[in-house]
N, C-alpha and C. Protein backbone atom coordinates (compact mmCIF):
# COMPACT_ATOMS: atom_id res chain seq x y z
N MET A 1 -20.49 5.12 14.63
CA MET A 1 -19.58 3.97 14.90
C MET A 1 -20.21 2.69 14.07
N SER A 2 -19.34 2.09 13.46
CA SER A 2 -19.99 0.88 12.61
C SER A 2 -20.14 -0.38 13.53
N ASN A 3 -21.12 -1.29 13.23
CA ASN A 3 -21.19 -2.37 13.95
C ASN A 3 -19.83 -3.00 14.17
N PRO A 4 -19.58 -3.81 15.21
CA PRO A 4 -18.42 -4.52 15.36
C PRO A 4 -18.28 -5.67 14.22
N VAL A 5 -17.21 -5.97 13.92
CA VAL A 5 -16.90 -7.19 13.03
C VAL A 5 -17.25 -8.56 13.66
N ILE A 6 -17.95 -9.46 13.08
CA ILE A 6 -18.01 -10.80 13.66
C ILE A 6 -17.09 -11.78 12.78
N PHE A 7 -16.07 -11.86 13.25
CA PHE A 7 -15.02 -12.61 12.66
C PHE A 7 -15.29 -14.10 12.11
N GLN A 8 -16.27 -14.63 12.96
CA GLN A 8 -16.76 -16.08 12.64
C GLN A 8 -17.54 -16.00 11.42
N GLN A 9 -17.92 -14.97 10.88
CA GLN A 9 -18.92 -14.59 9.65
C GLN A 9 -18.06 -14.67 8.36
N ALA A 10 -16.45 -14.74 8.48
CA ALA A 10 -15.72 -14.72 7.48
C ALA A 10 -15.86 -15.72 6.30
N LYS A 11 -15.98 -15.64 5.29
CA LYS A 11 -16.21 -16.62 4.15
C LYS A 11 -15.23 -16.36 3.01
N PHE A 12 -14.79 -17.31 2.35
CA PHE A 12 -13.85 -17.01 1.18
C PHE A 12 -14.49 -16.44 0.10
N PHE A 13 -14.16 -15.30 -0.47
CA PHE A 13 -14.78 -14.59 -1.54
C PHE A 13 -14.00 -14.93 -2.97
N THR A 14 -12.41 -14.49 -3.02
CA THR A 14 -11.93 -14.83 -4.26
C THR A 14 -10.38 -14.90 -4.07
N SER A 15 -9.98 -15.62 -5.16
CA SER A 15 -8.27 -15.53 -5.20
C SER A 15 -7.92 -14.86 -6.41
N ALA A 16 -6.93 -14.09 -6.53
CA ALA A 16 -6.51 -13.07 -7.42
C ALA A 16 -4.95 -13.31 -7.66
N PRO A 17 -4.45 -13.34 -8.77
CA PRO A 17 -3.06 -13.47 -9.23
C PRO A 17 -2.36 -12.12 -9.11
N SER A 18 -3.30 -11.25 -9.19
CA SER A 18 -2.99 -9.73 -8.97
C SER A 18 -3.87 -8.76 -8.70
N ILE A 19 -3.57 -7.47 -8.42
CA ILE A 19 -4.65 -6.57 -7.86
C ILE A 19 -5.54 -6.36 -9.03
N ARG A 20 -5.28 -6.41 -10.35
CA ARG A 20 -6.35 -6.31 -11.28
C ARG A 20 -7.43 -7.19 -11.37
N HIS A 21 -7.23 -8.41 -10.73
CA HIS A 21 -8.34 -9.37 -10.55
C HIS A 21 -9.19 -9.38 -9.09
N LEU A 22 -8.71 -8.29 -8.32
CA LEU A 22 -9.61 -8.13 -6.96
C LEU A 22 -10.78 -7.44 -7.35
N PRO A 23 -11.66 -7.52 -6.39
CA PRO A 23 -13.00 -6.73 -6.43
C PRO A 23 -12.62 -5.28 -6.25
N GLU A 24 -13.91 -4.55 -6.47
CA GLU A 24 -13.62 -3.09 -6.51
C GLU A 24 -12.76 -2.53 -5.19
N ASP A 25 -12.04 -1.58 -5.51
CA ASP A 25 -11.16 -1.06 -4.36
C ASP A 25 -11.93 -0.03 -3.56
N LYS A 26 -12.83 -0.50 -2.80
CA LYS A 26 -13.63 0.14 -1.86
C LYS A 26 -14.02 -0.52 -0.70
N GLY A 27 -14.44 0.16 0.38
CA GLY A 27 -14.77 -0.67 1.67
C GLY A 27 -13.37 -0.48 2.46
N ILE A 28 -13.29 -1.52 3.35
CA ILE A 28 -12.19 -1.55 4.11
C ILE A 28 -11.42 -3.12 4.18
N GLU A 29 -10.16 -3.05 4.16
CA GLU A 29 -9.39 -4.24 4.04
C GLU A 29 -8.42 -4.40 4.96
N VAL A 30 -8.32 -5.39 5.77
CA VAL A 30 -6.84 -5.54 6.75
C VAL A 30 -6.10 -6.77 6.06
N ALA A 31 -4.99 -6.76 5.65
CA ALA A 31 -4.19 -7.60 5.16
C ALA A 31 -3.25 -8.30 6.23
N PHE A 32 -2.97 -9.57 5.85
CA PHE A 32 -2.19 -10.55 6.62
C PHE A 32 -0.83 -10.89 5.54
N ALA A 33 0.33 -10.51 6.24
CA ALA A 33 1.55 -10.72 5.41
C ALA A 33 2.68 -11.27 6.45
N GLY A 34 3.45 -12.09 5.55
CA GLY A 34 4.51 -12.56 6.26
C GLY A 34 5.37 -13.75 5.54
N ARG A 35 6.59 -14.11 6.03
CA ARG A 35 7.45 -15.21 5.32
C ARG A 35 6.62 -16.39 5.25
N SER A 36 6.83 -17.10 4.28
CA SER A 36 6.12 -18.44 3.83
C SER A 36 5.72 -19.40 4.87
N ASN A 37 6.67 -19.33 6.00
CA ASN A 37 6.57 -20.26 7.08
C ASN A 37 6.20 -19.74 8.52
N ALA A 38 5.56 -18.44 8.18
CA ALA A 38 5.29 -17.73 9.59
C ALA A 38 3.86 -18.03 10.16
N GLY A 39 3.07 -18.80 9.54
CA GLY A 39 1.85 -19.32 9.93
C GLY A 39 0.72 -18.47 9.82
N LYS A 40 0.72 -17.71 8.70
CA LYS A 40 -0.41 -16.75 8.15
C LYS A 40 -1.65 -17.46 8.41
N SER A 41 -1.97 -18.55 7.53
CA SER A 41 -3.05 -19.25 7.42
C SER A 41 -3.65 -19.72 8.79
N SER A 42 -2.81 -20.29 9.49
CA SER A 42 -3.17 -20.83 10.86
C SER A 42 -3.73 -19.49 11.82
N ALA A 43 -3.07 -18.30 11.71
CA ALA A 43 -3.51 -17.37 12.50
C ALA A 43 -5.07 -16.87 11.96
N LEU A 44 -5.33 -16.81 10.56
CA LEU A 44 -6.37 -16.42 10.05
C LEU A 44 -7.56 -17.48 10.53
N ASN A 45 -7.13 -18.67 10.43
CA ASN A 45 -8.24 -19.66 10.98
C ASN A 45 -8.49 -19.58 12.41
N VAL A 46 -7.44 -19.18 13.24
CA VAL A 46 -7.62 -19.10 14.53
C VAL A 46 -8.71 -17.76 14.82
N LEU A 47 -8.43 -16.67 14.27
CA LEU A 47 -8.93 -15.41 14.49
C LEU A 47 -10.53 -15.60 13.95
N THR A 48 -10.67 -16.38 13.03
CA THR A 48 -12.22 -16.55 12.65
C THR A 48 -12.94 -17.78 13.02
N ARG A 49 -12.07 -18.41 14.09
CA ARG A 49 -12.62 -19.46 14.78
C ARG A 49 -13.29 -20.61 13.54
N GLN A 50 -12.40 -20.56 12.47
CA GLN A 50 -12.81 -21.64 11.64
C GLN A 50 -11.60 -22.50 11.31
N ASN A 51 -11.57 -23.83 11.19
CA ASN A 51 -10.54 -24.76 11.15
C ASN A 51 -9.74 -24.78 9.69
N SER A 52 -10.60 -24.42 8.64
CA SER A 52 -9.94 -24.28 7.28
C SER A 52 -10.50 -23.46 6.14
N LEU A 53 -10.58 -22.13 7.04
CA LEU A 53 -10.92 -21.02 6.05
C LEU A 53 -9.72 -20.66 5.19
N ALA A 54 -8.63 -20.55 5.89
CA ALA A 54 -7.54 -20.27 4.92
C ALA A 54 -6.52 -21.66 4.98
N ARG A 55 -6.08 -22.07 3.74
CA ARG A 55 -5.39 -23.21 3.68
C ARG A 55 -4.14 -23.24 4.44
N THR A 56 -4.01 -24.40 5.20
CA THR A 56 -2.55 -24.45 5.77
C THR A 56 -2.18 -25.77 5.24
N SER A 57 -0.64 -25.83 5.16
CA SER A 57 0.07 -26.81 4.83
C SER A 57 1.41 -27.15 5.54
N LYS A 58 1.96 -28.23 5.54
CA LYS A 58 3.31 -28.48 6.28
C LYS A 58 4.18 -27.96 5.10
N THR A 59 3.90 -27.73 3.82
CA THR A 59 4.72 -27.16 2.91
C THR A 59 4.67 -25.71 2.78
N PRO A 60 5.53 -24.86 3.29
CA PRO A 60 5.40 -23.45 3.19
C PRO A 60 5.45 -22.76 1.82
N GLY A 61 4.52 -21.76 1.76
CA GLY A 61 4.44 -21.28 0.19
C GLY A 61 3.15 -21.52 -0.40
N ARG A 62 2.24 -22.13 0.33
CA ARG A 62 0.85 -22.75 -0.54
C ARG A 62 0.17 -21.48 -0.86
N THR A 63 0.34 -20.33 -0.08
CA THR A 63 -0.47 -18.97 -0.34
C THR A 63 0.32 -18.36 -1.65
N GLN A 64 -0.18 -18.78 -2.79
CA GLN A 64 0.27 -18.15 -3.95
C GLN A 64 -0.23 -17.01 -4.60
N GLN A 65 -1.47 -16.76 -4.33
CA GLN A 65 -2.33 -15.55 -4.70
C GLN A 65 -2.79 -14.83 -3.70
N ILE A 66 -3.43 -13.72 -3.94
CA ILE A 66 -3.95 -12.75 -2.90
C ILE A 66 -5.44 -13.36 -2.74
N ASN A 67 -5.57 -13.86 -1.41
CA ASN A 67 -6.84 -14.37 -1.02
C ASN A 67 -7.67 -13.52 -0.23
N ILE A 68 -8.90 -13.35 -0.78
CA ILE A 68 -9.99 -12.40 -0.06
C ILE A 68 -10.89 -13.01 0.74
N PHE A 69 -11.18 -12.75 1.84
CA PHE A 69 -12.11 -13.20 2.86
C PHE A 69 -13.17 -12.17 3.31
N GLU A 70 -14.42 -12.47 2.85
CA GLU A 70 -15.36 -11.38 3.15
C GLU A 70 -15.84 -11.52 4.46
N LEU A 71 -16.05 -10.42 5.35
CA LEU A 71 -16.65 -10.34 6.70
C LEU A 71 -18.20 -9.95 6.49
N ASP A 72 -18.28 -8.73 5.71
CA ASP A 72 -19.65 -8.37 5.30
C ASP A 72 -19.38 -7.63 4.04
N GLU A 73 -20.52 -6.96 3.61
CA GLU A 73 -20.37 -6.19 2.20
C GLU A 73 -19.31 -5.20 2.10
N ASN A 74 -18.71 -4.62 3.33
CA ASN A 74 -17.91 -3.60 3.31
C ASN A 74 -16.62 -3.75 3.85
N ARG A 75 -16.30 -5.08 4.49
CA ARG A 75 -15.18 -5.40 5.15
C ARG A 75 -14.57 -6.81 4.77
N ARG A 76 -13.28 -6.68 4.58
CA ARG A 76 -12.53 -8.00 4.23
C ARG A 76 -11.23 -8.15 4.76
N LEU A 77 -10.98 -9.63 4.95
CA LEU A 77 -9.63 -9.89 5.33
C LEU A 77 -8.76 -10.34 4.27
N VAL A 78 -7.38 -10.07 4.13
CA VAL A 78 -6.82 -10.42 2.92
C VAL A 78 -5.49 -11.20 3.42
N ASP A 79 -5.25 -12.39 2.70
CA ASP A 79 -4.12 -13.11 3.03
C ASP A 79 -3.18 -13.02 1.83
N LEU A 80 -2.17 -12.54 2.13
CA LEU A 80 -1.11 -12.08 1.05
C LEU A 80 -0.21 -13.25 0.64
N PRO A 81 0.40 -13.18 -0.46
CA PRO A 81 1.33 -14.30 -0.92
C PRO A 81 2.45 -14.20 0.14
N GLY A 82 2.92 -15.39 0.72
CA GLY A 82 4.00 -15.47 1.52
C GLY A 82 5.39 -15.00 0.76
N TYR A 83 6.35 -14.66 1.71
CA TYR A 83 7.62 -14.23 0.92
C TYR A 83 8.70 -14.90 1.66
N GLY A 84 9.89 -15.07 1.13
CA GLY A 84 11.08 -15.56 1.65
C GLY A 84 11.33 -16.95 1.46
N PHE A 85 10.72 -17.87 2.43
CA PHE A 85 11.30 -19.19 2.63
C PHE A 85 10.87 -20.24 1.47
N ALA A 86 9.79 -20.14 0.99
CA ALA A 86 9.12 -21.32 0.03
C ALA A 86 10.28 -21.80 -1.01
N LYS A 87 10.19 -23.08 -1.19
CA LYS A 87 11.03 -23.70 -2.18
C LYS A 87 10.26 -23.91 -3.25
N VAL A 88 10.44 -22.93 -4.12
CA VAL A 88 9.60 -22.74 -5.35
C VAL A 88 10.56 -22.00 -6.39
N PRO A 89 10.37 -22.32 -7.69
CA PRO A 89 11.21 -21.62 -8.87
C PRO A 89 11.37 -20.19 -8.66
N LEU A 90 12.51 -19.56 -8.89
CA LEU A 90 12.72 -18.11 -8.63
C LEU A 90 11.60 -17.36 -9.51
N GLU A 91 11.19 -17.75 -10.77
CA GLU A 91 10.22 -16.98 -11.41
C GLU A 91 9.08 -17.02 -10.92
N MET A 92 8.55 -17.91 -9.99
CA MET A 92 7.31 -17.98 -9.21
C MET A 92 7.51 -16.86 -7.99
N LYS A 93 8.74 -17.07 -7.45
CA LYS A 93 8.81 -16.11 -6.33
C LYS A 93 8.78 -14.70 -6.73
N VAL A 94 9.19 -14.20 -7.87
CA VAL A 94 9.21 -12.99 -8.33
C VAL A 94 7.67 -12.59 -8.75
N LYS A 95 6.97 -13.58 -9.09
CA LYS A 95 5.62 -13.20 -9.36
C LYS A 95 4.88 -13.08 -8.27
N TRP A 96 5.03 -13.57 -7.17
CA TRP A 96 4.42 -13.64 -5.86
C TRP A 96 4.82 -12.15 -5.27
N GLN A 97 6.22 -11.92 -5.47
CA GLN A 97 6.49 -10.60 -4.78
C GLN A 97 5.96 -9.38 -5.49
N LYS A 98 5.67 -9.49 -6.88
CA LYS A 98 5.12 -8.45 -7.65
C LYS A 98 3.88 -8.19 -7.22
N SER A 99 2.91 -9.33 -7.05
CA SER A 99 1.51 -9.18 -6.77
C SER A 99 1.33 -8.49 -5.06
N LEU A 100 2.36 -9.16 -4.34
CA LEU A 100 2.42 -8.63 -3.02
C LEU A 100 2.70 -7.20 -3.01
N SER A 101 3.71 -6.48 -3.62
CA SER A 101 4.05 -5.10 -3.67
C SER A 101 3.00 -4.37 -4.11
N GLU A 102 2.45 -4.74 -5.46
CA GLU A 102 1.47 -3.98 -5.94
C GLU A 102 0.06 -3.70 -5.14
N TYR A 103 -0.12 -4.81 -4.47
CA TYR A 103 -1.38 -4.85 -3.23
C TYR A 103 -1.01 -3.75 -2.37
N LEU A 104 0.08 -3.96 -1.66
CA LEU A 104 0.37 -2.92 -0.54
C LEU A 104 0.75 -1.52 -1.06
N GLN A 105 1.12 -1.17 -2.37
CA GLN A 105 1.30 0.24 -2.90
C GLN A 105 0.03 0.93 -3.45
N GLU A 106 -0.78 0.02 -4.06
CA GLU A 106 -1.81 0.67 -4.72
C GLU A 106 -3.18 0.46 -4.21
N ARG A 107 -3.35 -0.61 -3.33
CA ARG A 107 -4.89 -0.85 -2.77
C ARG A 107 -5.17 0.00 -1.81
N LYS A 108 -6.05 1.00 -2.17
CA LYS A 108 -6.57 2.29 -1.42
C LYS A 108 -7.42 1.96 -0.05
N CYS A 109 -8.11 0.95 -0.13
CA CYS A 109 -8.87 0.39 0.94
C CYS A 109 -8.04 -0.41 1.99
N LEU A 110 -6.90 -0.53 2.08
CA LEU A 110 -6.07 -1.10 2.85
C LEU A 110 -6.03 -0.32 4.00
N ARG A 111 -6.33 -0.79 5.33
CA ARG A 111 -6.47 0.26 6.55
C ARG A 111 -5.66 -0.36 7.84
N GLY A 112 -5.00 -1.55 7.60
CA GLY A 112 -4.05 -2.19 8.66
C GLY A 112 -3.32 -3.21 8.01
N LEU A 113 -2.18 -3.39 8.43
CA LEU A 113 -1.39 -4.43 8.22
C LEU A 113 -0.89 -5.51 9.21
N VAL A 114 -1.09 -6.77 9.24
CA VAL A 114 -0.72 -7.73 10.36
C VAL A 114 0.66 -8.32 9.77
N VAL A 115 1.73 -8.12 10.18
CA VAL A 115 2.87 -8.84 9.86
C VAL A 115 3.26 -9.97 10.71
N LEU A 116 3.18 -11.09 10.16
CA LEU A 116 3.45 -12.22 11.06
C LEU A 116 5.01 -12.82 11.03
N MET A 117 5.62 -13.33 12.07
CA MET A 117 6.94 -13.63 11.87
C MET A 117 7.08 -14.49 13.04
N ASP A 118 7.97 -15.46 12.82
CA ASP A 118 8.23 -16.52 13.84
C ASP A 118 9.04 -15.78 14.95
N ILE A 119 8.51 -16.21 16.33
CA ILE A 119 9.07 -15.12 17.45
C ILE A 119 10.50 -15.51 17.46
N ARG A 120 11.13 -16.65 17.17
CA ARG A 120 12.36 -17.04 17.20
C ARG A 120 13.25 -16.25 16.17
N HIS A 121 12.55 -15.73 15.07
CA HIS A 121 13.39 -15.18 14.06
C HIS A 121 12.70 -13.87 13.75
N ALA A 122 12.52 -12.81 14.56
CA ALA A 122 11.53 -11.71 14.44
C ALA A 122 12.37 -10.65 13.77
N PHE A 123 11.73 -9.76 12.92
CA PHE A 123 12.02 -8.59 12.45
C PHE A 123 13.23 -8.78 11.55
N ARG A 124 13.36 -9.83 10.66
CA ARG A 124 14.24 -10.10 9.35
C ARG A 124 14.20 -9.04 8.63
N GLU A 125 15.10 -9.06 7.70
CA GLU A 125 15.26 -7.55 6.69
C GLU A 125 13.86 -7.62 5.89
N THR A 126 13.33 -8.48 5.47
CA THR A 126 12.06 -8.28 4.52
C THR A 126 10.83 -7.84 5.39
N ASP A 127 10.96 -8.42 6.78
CA ASP A 127 9.98 -7.92 7.58
C ASP A 127 9.97 -6.46 7.90
N GLN A 128 11.19 -6.12 8.11
CA GLN A 128 11.40 -4.55 8.41
C GLN A 128 11.03 -3.76 7.30
N GLU A 129 11.54 -4.16 6.03
CA GLU A 129 11.22 -3.31 4.95
C GLU A 129 9.35 -3.31 4.77
N LEU A 130 8.87 -4.28 5.12
CA LEU A 130 7.45 -4.28 4.87
C LEU A 130 6.88 -3.22 5.92
N ILE A 131 7.31 -3.44 7.19
CA ILE A 131 6.96 -2.42 8.23
C ILE A 131 7.18 -1.08 7.97
N HIS A 132 8.53 -0.71 7.53
CA HIS A 132 8.85 0.71 7.14
C HIS A 132 7.93 1.25 5.98
N TRP A 133 7.83 0.28 5.03
CA TRP A 133 6.76 0.80 3.94
C TRP A 133 5.43 1.20 4.47
N ALA A 134 4.83 0.48 5.59
CA ALA A 134 3.51 0.67 5.85
C ALA A 134 3.55 1.81 6.70
N VAL A 135 4.45 2.19 7.56
CA VAL A 135 4.59 3.28 8.50
C VAL A 135 4.56 4.57 7.41
N ALA A 136 5.50 4.60 6.46
CA ALA A 136 5.68 5.62 5.50
C ALA A 136 4.25 5.79 4.70
N SER A 137 3.33 4.94 4.70
CA SER A 137 2.13 4.98 3.96
C SER A 137 1.04 5.45 5.05
N ASN A 138 1.29 5.54 6.21
CA ASN A 138 0.56 5.81 7.37
C ASN A 138 -0.48 4.76 7.54
N ILE A 139 -0.07 3.42 7.50
CA ILE A 139 -0.91 2.34 7.51
C ILE A 139 -0.31 1.65 8.88
N PRO A 140 -1.27 1.32 9.97
CA PRO A 140 -1.07 1.05 11.27
C PRO A 140 -0.55 -0.77 10.99
N VAL A 141 0.37 -0.95 11.77
CA VAL A 141 1.02 -2.29 11.75
C VAL A 141 0.95 -3.02 13.17
N LEU A 142 0.48 -4.36 12.98
CA LEU A 142 0.75 -5.07 14.27
C LEU A 142 1.50 -6.25 13.91
N ALA A 143 2.73 -6.43 14.67
CA ALA A 143 3.74 -7.47 14.37
C ALA A 143 3.44 -8.51 15.28
N VAL A 144 2.84 -9.68 14.71
CA VAL A 144 2.48 -10.72 15.34
C VAL A 144 3.60 -11.87 15.46
N LEU A 145 4.12 -12.28 16.65
CA LEU A 145 5.19 -13.18 16.84
C LEU A 145 4.71 -14.69 17.02
N THR A 146 4.55 -15.31 15.87
CA THR A 146 3.86 -16.55 15.82
C THR A 146 4.65 -17.75 16.55
N LYS A 147 4.27 -18.78 16.88
CA LYS A 147 4.81 -20.00 17.36
C LYS A 147 5.56 -19.65 18.76
N ALA A 148 4.62 -19.02 19.48
CA ALA A 148 5.33 -18.62 20.92
C ALA A 148 5.28 -19.82 21.73
N ASP A 149 4.49 -20.93 21.48
CA ASP A 149 4.50 -22.00 22.21
C ASP A 149 5.64 -22.87 22.04
N LYS A 150 6.72 -22.57 20.82
CA LYS A 150 7.75 -23.19 20.76
C LYS A 150 8.91 -22.85 21.79
N LEU A 151 8.76 -21.77 22.50
CA LEU A 151 9.50 -21.34 23.54
C LEU A 151 9.09 -21.45 24.90
N LYS A 152 9.80 -21.67 25.82
CA LYS A 152 9.38 -21.89 27.29
C LYS A 152 9.12 -20.29 27.79
N SER A 153 8.51 -20.05 28.91
CA SER A 153 7.95 -18.84 29.29
C SER A 153 8.81 -17.79 29.44
N GLY A 154 10.14 -18.11 29.92
CA GLY A 154 11.20 -17.00 29.99
C GLY A 154 11.71 -16.62 28.75
N ALA A 155 11.96 -17.47 27.94
CA ALA A 155 12.54 -17.29 26.61
C ALA A 155 11.56 -16.51 25.66
N ARG A 156 10.22 -16.81 25.89
CA ARG A 156 9.15 -16.11 25.14
C ARG A 156 9.27 -14.72 25.54
N LYS A 157 9.18 -14.43 26.79
CA LYS A 157 9.16 -13.06 27.49
C LYS A 157 10.25 -12.14 27.00
N SER A 158 11.37 -12.79 26.94
CA SER A 158 12.55 -12.15 26.59
C SER A 158 12.54 -11.95 24.86
N MET A 159 12.08 -12.75 24.18
CA MET A 159 11.89 -12.36 22.77
C MET A 159 10.92 -11.23 22.53
N LEU A 160 9.87 -11.38 23.28
CA LEU A 160 8.63 -10.36 23.18
C LEU A 160 9.34 -8.99 23.40
N MET A 161 9.93 -9.01 24.73
CA MET A 161 10.86 -7.80 25.24
C MET A 161 11.62 -7.13 24.10
N LYS A 162 12.50 -7.91 23.51
CA LYS A 162 13.48 -7.51 22.49
C LYS A 162 12.81 -7.02 21.30
N ALA A 163 11.43 -7.55 20.86
CA ALA A 163 10.99 -7.01 19.81
C ALA A 163 10.29 -5.71 20.13
N GLN A 164 9.65 -5.56 21.34
CA GLN A 164 8.91 -4.37 21.61
C GLN A 164 10.06 -3.15 21.80
N GLU A 165 11.32 -3.47 22.31
CA GLU A 165 12.44 -2.52 22.21
C GLU A 165 12.82 -2.08 20.76
N ALA A 166 12.57 -2.95 19.73
CA ALA A 166 12.88 -2.64 18.40
C ALA A 166 11.81 -1.83 17.90
N VAL A 167 10.67 -1.81 18.24
CA VAL A 167 9.48 -1.18 17.51
C VAL A 167 9.59 0.51 17.46
N PRO A 168 10.09 1.33 18.44
CA PRO A 168 10.27 2.63 18.20
C PRO A 168 11.08 3.14 17.00
N ALA A 169 12.00 2.12 16.69
CA ALA A 169 12.74 2.61 15.42
C ALA A 169 12.02 2.71 14.33
N PHE A 170 10.97 2.13 14.27
CA PHE A 170 9.93 2.09 13.05
C PHE A 170 9.34 3.45 12.87
N GLY A 171 8.97 4.10 13.95
CA GLY A 171 8.21 5.21 14.11
C GLY A 171 6.67 4.90 13.82
N GLY A 172 5.80 5.81 13.60
CA GLY A 172 4.43 5.42 13.33
C GLY A 172 3.97 4.50 14.46
N ASP A 173 2.62 4.04 13.84
CA ASP A 173 1.77 3.17 14.63
C ASP A 173 2.07 1.73 14.58
N VAL A 174 2.92 1.10 15.37
CA VAL A 174 3.46 -0.14 15.30
C VAL A 174 3.43 -0.83 16.74
N ASP A 175 2.47 -2.10 16.79
CA ASP A 175 2.37 -2.83 18.04
C ASP A 175 2.96 -4.21 17.85
N VAL A 176 3.22 -4.77 18.84
CA VAL A 176 3.66 -6.12 18.89
C VAL A 176 3.14 -7.03 20.00
N ILE A 177 2.81 -8.32 19.53
CA ILE A 177 2.37 -9.38 20.52
C ILE A 177 2.86 -10.74 20.18
N ALA A 178 2.87 -11.36 21.41
CA ALA A 178 3.31 -12.98 21.05
C ALA A 178 2.01 -13.74 20.62
N PHE A 179 2.18 -14.58 20.09
CA PHE A 179 0.82 -15.38 19.35
C PHE A 179 1.34 -16.91 19.34
N SER A 180 0.10 -17.78 19.40
CA SER A 180 0.22 -19.05 19.24
C SER A 180 -1.02 -19.70 18.68
N SER A 181 -1.18 -20.14 17.49
CA SER A 181 -2.42 -20.56 17.18
C SER A 181 -2.77 -22.02 17.86
N LEU A 182 -1.80 -22.62 18.18
CA LEU A 182 -2.01 -23.89 18.85
C LEU A 182 -2.47 -23.73 20.35
N LYS A 183 -1.91 -22.72 21.08
CA LYS A 183 -2.28 -22.65 22.38
C LYS A 183 -3.45 -21.48 22.55
N LYS A 184 -3.70 -20.73 21.51
CA LYS A 184 -4.53 -19.64 21.42
C LYS A 184 -4.01 -18.50 22.10
N THR A 185 -2.95 -18.29 22.21
CA THR A 185 -2.08 -17.10 22.83
C THR A 185 -2.13 -15.90 22.06
N GLY A 186 -2.57 -14.92 22.72
CA GLY A 186 -2.64 -13.62 21.80
C GLY A 186 -3.93 -13.47 20.92
N VAL A 187 -4.70 -14.30 20.93
CA VAL A 187 -5.84 -14.27 19.94
C VAL A 187 -6.93 -13.07 20.28
N GLU A 188 -7.10 -12.83 21.59
CA GLU A 188 -7.85 -11.86 21.94
C GLU A 188 -7.14 -10.30 21.57
N ALA A 189 -5.90 -10.25 21.72
CA ALA A 189 -5.25 -8.92 21.36
C ALA A 189 -5.17 -8.93 20.04
N LEU A 190 -5.03 -9.84 19.23
CA LEU A 190 -5.07 -9.62 17.56
C LEU A 190 -6.49 -9.27 17.21
N GLU A 191 -7.33 -9.96 17.77
CA GLU A 191 -8.97 -9.50 17.44
C GLU A 191 -9.13 -8.18 17.80
N ALA A 192 -8.80 -7.70 18.92
CA ALA A 192 -8.91 -6.36 19.41
C ALA A 192 -8.29 -5.25 18.52
N VAL A 193 -7.21 -5.52 18.17
CA VAL A 193 -6.41 -4.51 17.07
C VAL A 193 -7.07 -4.65 15.92
N VAL A 194 -7.50 -5.67 15.22
CA VAL A 194 -8.16 -5.70 14.00
C VAL A 194 -9.54 -5.18 14.00
N GLN A 195 -10.06 -5.25 15.09
CA GLN A 195 -11.44 -4.79 15.35
C GLN A 195 -11.37 -3.05 15.27
N SER A 196 -10.28 -2.66 16.03
CA SER A 196 -10.26 -1.47 16.12
C SER A 196 -9.82 -0.53 14.79
N TRP A 197 -9.16 -1.29 14.17
CA TRP A 197 -8.70 -0.89 12.58
C TRP A 197 -9.98 -0.62 11.69
N PHE A 198 -10.70 -1.54 11.84
CA PHE A 198 -11.99 -1.62 10.95
C PHE A 198 -13.07 -0.28 11.63
N GLN A 199 -12.98 -0.10 12.81
CA GLN A 199 -13.91 0.81 13.30
C GLN A 199 -13.20 2.25 13.09
N ASP A 200 -11.96 2.42 13.24
CA ASP A 200 -11.53 3.59 12.88
C ASP A 200 -11.63 3.95 11.46
N ALA A 201 -11.39 3.03 10.56
CA ALA A 201 -11.47 3.27 9.13
C ALA A 201 -13.06 3.54 8.77
N ALA A 202 -14.02 2.84 9.40
CA ALA A 202 -15.16 3.40 9.15
C ALA A 202 -15.65 4.77 9.51
N GLU A 203 -15.08 5.16 10.90
CA GLU A 203 -15.43 6.46 11.29
C GLU A 203 -14.60 7.52 10.24
N ASP A 204 -13.45 7.19 9.99
CA ASP A 204 -12.81 8.13 8.81
C ASP A 204 -13.64 8.26 7.44
N ILE A 205 -14.20 7.28 7.02
CA ILE A 205 -14.97 7.09 5.86
C ILE A 205 -16.19 8.00 6.08
N SER A 206 -16.83 7.71 7.19
CA SER A 206 -17.80 8.52 7.43
C SER A 206 -17.91 10.02 7.69
N THR A 207 -16.72 10.42 8.29
CA THR A 207 -16.51 11.87 8.42
C THR A 207 -16.07 12.52 7.02
N GLN A 208 -15.42 11.73 6.21
CA GLN A 208 -15.05 12.23 4.67
C GLN A 208 -16.49 12.37 4.06
N GLN A 209 -17.33 11.53 4.03
CA GLN A 209 -18.73 11.75 3.52
C GLN A 209 -19.41 12.74 4.03
N GLU A 210 -19.29 13.33 5.22
CA GLU A 210 -20.00 14.26 5.86
C GLU A 210 -19.46 15.63 5.52
N SER A 211 -18.29 15.56 5.28
CA SER A 211 -17.36 17.09 4.93
C SER A 211 -17.65 17.39 3.64
């Protein structure tokens, strides 16, 4: 078993407009994806206990490239370009979408996908497409319902239950949690899942090397 990841050690490594500009496709990566207003950057900052590791902005869509954050020499967190909401030229949206899909389809070291979505608007069509793709590629998914603090307790539980009921339709390894970067709700659950992905991937790699 590999050493546990220390998320606080995450540091910015590189930004890339496409997978051709990424570091060598080896080691283990866990990617974060979601609509442009889903709160990806805030979730990454909370996970790593750093206020400004990933850039946050009141203007959705600031993540325009694939951003890599290094945890150690073999393990990385990846912030993928946001999709959907951002008010940017169509040409730019198409470019983002291409780099996102290329990464998901071609990056061999991807071992887990965190899909972030506003708890009030969970499982929109693009989110579902992303999860179906991951399941078909045998990549585990954690659906993180962000901005849980925007709802009162009863409504939050209701939306979470509704999302959990939708999960079996995807098949594969898909979990769902409620999350708030403001209230730190769900942080331990997010950390535990991502940690387990890194551990499982390390064991798979070790087994392959021994056989």
